């Protein structure tokens, strides 16, 4: 799998942060970079949600829930690399 494609659209490529965490195709550094990009994208989407600019068909709170899972994955990855 291409790292650049994963960075561009991590949600579309992986669907869930757990899938990326369990992947053996990427190094811990690459996973962290992808998760940080995903986090950034979700934070921007959440800002749009907060301003009532949901995209058609988007479930309210879905971005916040995915952001929580991405943040938790980052924490687990950071813990695994330090200890």
Protein backbone atom coordinates (compact mmCIF):
# COMPACT_ATOMS: atom_id res chain seq x y z
CA UNK A 1 0.00 0.00 0.00
CA UNK A 2 1.20 3.48 -0.87
CA UNK A 3 2.00 5.78 2.09
CA UNK A 4 1.10 8.86 0.07
CA UNK A 5 -2.37 7.50 -0.72
CA UNK A 6 -2.84 6.62 2.94
CA UNK A 7 -1.79 10.14 3.97
CA UNK A 8 -4.13 11.77 1.48
CA UNK A 9 -7.26 9.97 2.62
CA UNK A 10 -6.67 7.76 5.67
CA UNK A 11 -10.37 7.40 6.45
CA UNK A 12 -11.12 6.06 2.99
CA UNK A 13 -8.08 3.77 2.95
CA UNK A 14 -8.45 2.27 6.44
CA UNK A 15 -12.00 2.99 7.58
CA UNK A 16 -11.00 2.57 11.22
CA UNK A 17 -7.79 3.52 13.02
CA UNK A 18 -7.52 -0.02 14.42
CA UNK A 19 -6.98 -1.33 10.87
CA UNK A 20 -3.97 0.98 10.49
CA UNK A 21 -2.66 0.07 13.94
CA UNK A 22 -2.74 -3.63 13.09
CA UNK A 23 -1.20 -3.18 9.65
CA UNK A 24 2.24 -4.68 9.11
CA UNK A 25 2.79 -2.67 5.94
CA UNK A 26 3.86 0.50 7.73
CA UNK A 27 6.50 1.38 10.28
CA UNK A 28 5.48 2.96 13.60
CA UNK A 29 6.73 6.30 12.27
CA UNK A 30 4.59 6.01 9.15
CA UNK A 31 1.55 4.99 11.20
CA UNK A 32 2.04 7.98 13.46
CA UNK A 33 2.30 10.35 10.47
CA UNK A 34 -0.85 8.89 8.91
CA UNK A 35 -2.74 9.09 12.22
CA UNK A 36 -1.65 12.72 12.70
CA UNK A 37 -2.87 13.56 9.20
CA UNK A 38 -6.14 11.75 9.91
CA UNK A 39 -6.50 13.64 13.19
CA UNK A 40 -5.95 16.95 11.39
CA UNK A 41 -8.56 16.13 8.76
CA UNK A 42 -11.10 15.11 11.39
CA UNK A 43 -10.51 18.25 13.44
CA UNK A 44 -11.25 20.35 10.36
CA UNK A 45 -14.39 18.33 9.66
CA UNK A 46 -15.47 18.64 13.27
CA UNK A 47 -15.15 22.43 13.00
CA UNK A 48 -17.49 22.30 10.03
CA UNK A 49 -19.86 20.09 12.06
CA UNK A 50 -19.77 22.61 14.90
CA UNK A 51 -20.75 25.32 12.44
CA UNK A 52 -23.66 23.16 11.18
CA UNK A 53 -21.97 22.54 7.86
CA UNK A 54 -22.42 18.75 7.84
CA UNK A 55 -22.04 17.11 4.46
CA UNK A 56 -25.12 15.42 3.09
CA UNK A 57 -25.73 12.07 4.72
CA UNK A 58 -23.15 12.59 7.48
CA UNK A 59 -24.16 11.35 10.90
CA UNK A 60 -23.96 13.98 13.64
CA UNK A 61 -21.06 13.19 15.97
CA UNK A 62 -19.46 10.64 13.63
CA UNK A 63 -16.37 12.79 13.14
CA UNK A 64 -15.99 13.31 16.89
CA UNK A 65 -16.20 9.55 17.50
CA UNK A 66 -13.64 8.76 14.82
CA UNK A 67 -11.39 11.55 16.15
CA UNK A 68 -11.55 9.92 19.59
CA UNK A 69 -10.50 6.56 18.09
CA UNK A 70 -7.65 8.18 16.11
CA UNK A 71 -6.42 10.01 19.23
CA UNK A 72 -6.54 6.78 21.24
CA UNK A 73 -4.59 4.97 18.50
CA UNK A 74 -1.94 7.70 18.61
CA UNK A 75 -1.68 7.33 22.38
CA UNK A 76 -1.32 3.55 22.13
CA UNK A 77 1.29 3.89 19.38
CA UNK A 78 3.24 6.44 21.43
CA UNK A 79 3.11 4.16 24.47
CA UNK A 80 4.30 1.17 22.47
CA UNK A 81 7.27 3.07 21.07
CA UNK A 82 8.39 4.45 24.42
CA UNK A 83 8.05 1.40 26.54
